[in-house]
Amino acid sequence: MSYIVKYSNTPYYGLNLNYHLLPYLIKADDFRFDLYLTGKFGGHYIFSSENYAPENGNIFDYKIGCGISFYLWKHIGFFTEIGLANFSNLNYNAFTYFSKKTLINSNYGLTFKF
């Protein structure tokens, strides 16, 4: 079933925890790789009338998985994560709503360490 989704403010919140494994195995000050376990728990709050989205209010999301980082410079690098996630996916471009699903999820991007 498809619903029309109205653009609105949707605050996201959550807690992200990364447990780094390589410092226990490799003792180096300037090691360029990082391997870690990741866990995320949070959600978002949808402000919408009943005519626009099937769910209003709070929606919880979570993800558990692992990640790897490679630092090109001392403090800046790239990361990728993969894990099992349960989340709601609002697709504003197609004006459709997909219900909560548990599936494999991946993220990638820039990382900074200090």
C-alpha atoms as a PDB file:
ATOM      1  CA  MET A   1       0.000   0.000   0.000  1.00  0.00           C
ATOM      2  CA  SER A   2       1.344   3.443  -0.896  1.00  0.00           C
ATOM      3  CA  TYR A   3       0.898   6.655   1.023  1.00  0.00           C
ATOM      4  CA  ILE A   4       1.640  10.220   0.090  1.00  0.00           C
ATOM      5  CA  VAL A   5       4.293  11.585   2.423  1.00  0.00           C
ATOM      6  CA  LYS A   6       4.288  15.266   3.272  1.00  0.00           C
ATOM      7  CA  TYR A   7       7.643  16.930   3.865  1.00  0.00           C
ATOM      8  CA  SER A   8       7.954  17.857   7.520  1.00  0.00           C
ATOM      9  CA  ASN A   9      10.508  18.266  10.260  1.00  0.00           C
ATOM     10  CA  THR A  10      11.655  14.862  11.466  1.00  0.00           C
ATOM     11  CA  PRO A  11      14.098  14.906  14.372  1.00  0.00           C
ATOM     12  CA  TYR A  12      16.479  11.934  14.516  1.00  0.00           C
ATOM     13  CA  TYR A  13      18.158  10.843  17.735  1.00  0.00           C
ATOM     14  CA  GLY A  14      20.263   7.964  18.887  1.00  0.00           C
ATOM     15  CA  LEU A  15      23.296   6.438  20.497  1.00  0.00           C
ATOM     16  CA  ASN A  16      26.205   4.993  18.529  1.00  0.00           C
ATOM     17  CA  LEU A  17      28.867   2.784  20.106  1.00  0.00           C
ATOM     18  CA  ASN A  18      32.023   1.542  18.376  1.00  0.00           C
ATOM     19  CA  TYR A  19      34.247  -1.018  20.131  1.00  0.00           C
ATOM     20  CA  HIS A  20      37.710  -0.947  18.550  1.00  0.00           C
ATOM     21  CA  LEU A  21      39.447  -4.330  18.348  1.00  0.00           C
ATOM     22  CA  LEU A  22      42.853  -3.666  16.754  1.00  0.00           C
ATOM     23  CA  PRO A  23      44.420  -1.730  19.666  1.00  0.00           C
ATOM     24  CA  TYR A  24      44.383  -5.025  21.613  1.00  0.00           C
ATOM     25  CA  LEU A  25      46.271  -6.823  18.844  1.00  0.00           C
ATOM     26  CA  ILE A  26      48.602  -4.183  17.360  1.00  0.00           C
ATOM     27  CA  LYS A  27      50.549  -1.682  19.444  1.00  0.00           C
ATOM     28  CA  ALA A  28      51.433   1.105  16.985  1.00  0.00           C
ATOM     29  CA  ASP A  29      51.020   4.869  17.332  1.00  0.00           C
ATOM     30  CA  ASP A  30      50.384   5.558  13.641  1.00  0.00           C
ATOM     31  CA  PHE A  31      48.482   2.489  12.417  1.00  0.00           C
ATOM     32  CA  ARG A  32      46.322   3.340   9.380  1.00  0.00           C
ATOM     33  CA  PHE A  33      43.674   0.595   9.721  1.00  0.00           C
ATOM     34  CA  ASP A  34      40.933   0.216  12.287  1.00  0.00           C
ATOM     35  CA  LEU A  35      38.526  -2.681  12.840  1.00  0.00           C
ATOM     36  CA  TYR A  36      35.544  -2.310  15.174  1.00  0.00           C
ATOM     37  CA  LEU A  37      32.175  -3.648  16.257  1.00  0.00           C
ATOM     38  CA  THR A  38      29.337  -1.143  16.024  1.00  0.00           C
ATOM     39  CA  GLY A  39      25.958  -0.801  17.640  1.00  0.00           C
ATOM     40  CA  LYS A  40      23.349   1.875  17.063  1.00  0.00           C
ATOM     41  CA  PHE A  41      20.053   2.477  18.800  1.00  0.00           C
ATOM     42  CA  GLY A  42      17.782   5.429  18.218  1.00  0.00           C
ATOM     43  CA  GLY A  43      14.902   6.514  16.108  1.00  0.00           C
ATOM     44  CA  HIS A  44      12.996   9.421  14.718  1.00  0.00           C
ATOM     45  CA  TYR A  45       9.748  11.210  15.363  1.00  0.00           C
ATOM     46  CA  ILE A  46       7.303  11.777  12.487  1.00  0.00           C
ATOM     47  CA  PHE A  47       5.068  14.834  12.551  1.00  0.00           C
ATOM     48  CA  SER A  48       2.375  14.107   9.966  1.00  0.00           C
ATOM     49  CA  SER A  49      -1.380  13.937   9.710  1.00  0.00           C
ATOM     50  CA  GLU A  50      -3.107  10.581   9.206  1.00  0.00           C
ATOM     51  CA  ASN A  51      -3.708  11.338   5.537  1.00  0.00           C
ATOM     52  CA  TYR A  52      -0.002  11.539   4.753  1.00  0.00           C
ATOM     53  CA  ALA A  53       1.782   8.668   6.528  1.00  0.00           C
ATOM     54  CA  PRO A  54       0.661   5.420   8.151  1.00  0.00           C
ATOM     55  CA  GLU A  55       2.798   5.926  11.267  1.00  0.00           C
ATOM     56  CA  ASN A  56       2.956   9.075  13.346  1.00  0.00           C
ATOM     57  CA  GLY A  57       5.024   9.621  16.423  1.00  0.00           C
ATOM     58  CA  ASN A  58       8.093   7.782  17.582  1.00  0.00           C
ATOM     59  CA  ILE A  59       9.741   5.018  15.512  1.00  0.00           C
ATOM     60  CA  PHE A  60      12.715   3.083  16.956  1.00  0.00           C
ATOM     61  CA  ASP A  61      15.656   1.935  14.824  1.00  0.00           C
ATOM     62  CA  TYR A  62      18.688  -0.217  15.629  1.00  0.00           C
ATOM     63  CA  LYS A  63      21.743  -1.682  13.933  1.00  0.00           C
ATOM     64  CA  ILE A  64      24.468  -4.140  14.981  1.00  0.00           C
ATOM     65  CA  GLY A  65      27.476  -4.920  12.830  1.00  0.00           C
ATOM     66  CA  CYS A  66      31.154  -4.314  12.182  1.00  0.00           C
ATOM     67  CA  GLY A  67      33.230  -1.720  10.419  1.00  0.00           C
ATOM     68  CA  ILE A  68      36.662  -1.001   9.032  1.00  0.00           C
ATOM     69  CA  SER A  69      38.469   2.300   8.565  1.00  0.00           C
ATOM     70  CA  PHE A  70      41.520   3.306   6.562  1.00  0.00           C
ATOM     71  CA  TYR A  71      43.234   6.607   7.387  1.00  0.00           C
ATOM     72  CA  LEU A  72      44.981   8.336   4.490  1.00  0.00           C
ATOM     73  CA  TRP A  73      46.267  11.023   6.838  1.00  0.00           C
ATOM     74  CA  LYS A  74      46.808  11.072  10.595  1.00  0.00           C
ATOM     75  CA  HIS A  75      43.252  12.175  11.456  1.00  0.00           C
ATOM     76  CA  ILE A  76      41.168  11.757   8.253  1.00  0.00           C
ATOM     77  CA  GLY A  77      40.173   8.573   6.479  1.00  0.00           C
ATOM     78  CA  PHE A  78      37.412   6.471   4.974  1.00  0.00           C
ATOM     79  CA  PHE A  79      35.142   3.931   6.650  1.00  0.00           C
ATOM     80  CA  THR A  80      32.627   1.289   5.707  1.00  0.00           C
ATOM     81  CA  GLU A  81      30.212  -0.583   7.977  1.00  0.00           C
ATOM     82  CA  ILE A  82      27.915  -3.523   7.434  1.00  0.00           C
ATOM     83  CA  GLY A  83      25.364  -4.993   9.788  1.00  0.00           C
ATOM     84  CA  LEU A  84      21.865  -6.134  10.557  1.00  0.00           C
ATOM     85  CA  ALA A  85      19.432  -3.251  10.882  1.00  0.00           C
ATOM     86  CA  ASN A  86      15.770  -2.740  11.660  1.00  0.00           C
ATOM     87  CA  PHE A  87      14.522   0.621  10.490  1.00  0.00           C
ATOM     88  CA  SER A  88      11.743   2.459   8.712  1.00  0.00           C
ATOM     89  CA  ASN A  89      12.499   3.754   5.256  1.00  0.00           C
ATOM     90  CA  LEU A  90      10.617   6.820   4.105  1.00  0.00           C
ATOM     91  CA  ASN A  91      11.218   7.306   0.390  1.00  0.00           C
ATOM     92  CA  TYR A  92      10.186  10.877  -0.351  1.00  0.00           C
ATOM     93  CA  ASN A  93      11.121  10.764  -4.037  1.00  0.00           C
ATOM     94  CA  ALA A  94       8.796   7.875  -4.855  1.00  0.00           C
ATOM     95  CA  PHE A  95       6.102   9.022  -2.393  1.00  0.00           C
ATOM     96  CA  THR A  96       5.866   5.549  -0.930  1.00  0.00           C
ATOM     97  CA  TYR A  97       6.296   4.195   2.550  1.00  0.00           C
ATOM     98  CA  PHE A  98       7.996   0.903   3.354  1.00  0.00           C
ATOM     99  CA  SER A  99       7.307  -0.648   6.742  1.00  0.00           C
ATOM    100  CA  LYS A 100       9.943  -1.763   9.236  1.00  0.00           C
ATOM    101  CA  LYS A 101      12.281  -4.433   7.928  1.00  0.00           C
ATOM    102  CA  THR A 102      15.283  -6.296   9.287  1.00  0.00           C
ATOM    103  CA  LEU A 103      17.934  -6.487   6.621  1.00  0.00           C
ATOM    104  CA  ILE A 104      21.595  -6.094   5.804  1.00  0.00           C
ATOM    105  CA  ASN A 105      22.560  -2.426   5.878  1.00  0.00           C
ATOM    106  CA  SER A 106      25.822  -0.754   4.858  1.00  0.00           C
ATOM    107  CA  ASN A 107      27.251   2.709   5.442  1.00  0.00           C
ATOM    108  CA  TYR A 108      30.364   4.382   4.110  1.00  0.00           C
ATOM    109  CA  GLY A 109      31.939   7.794   4.280  1.00  0.00           C
ATOM    110  CA  LEU A 110      34.637   9.967   5.826  1.00  0.00           C
ATOM    111  CA  THR A 111      35.893   9.476   9.360  1.00  0.00           C
ATOM    112  CA  PHE A 112      37.820  11.788  11.664  1.00  0.00           C
ATOM    113  CA  LYS A 113      39.777  10.789  14.754  1.00  0.00           C
ATOM    114  CA  PHE A 114      41.323  13.017  17.387  1.00  0.00           C
END
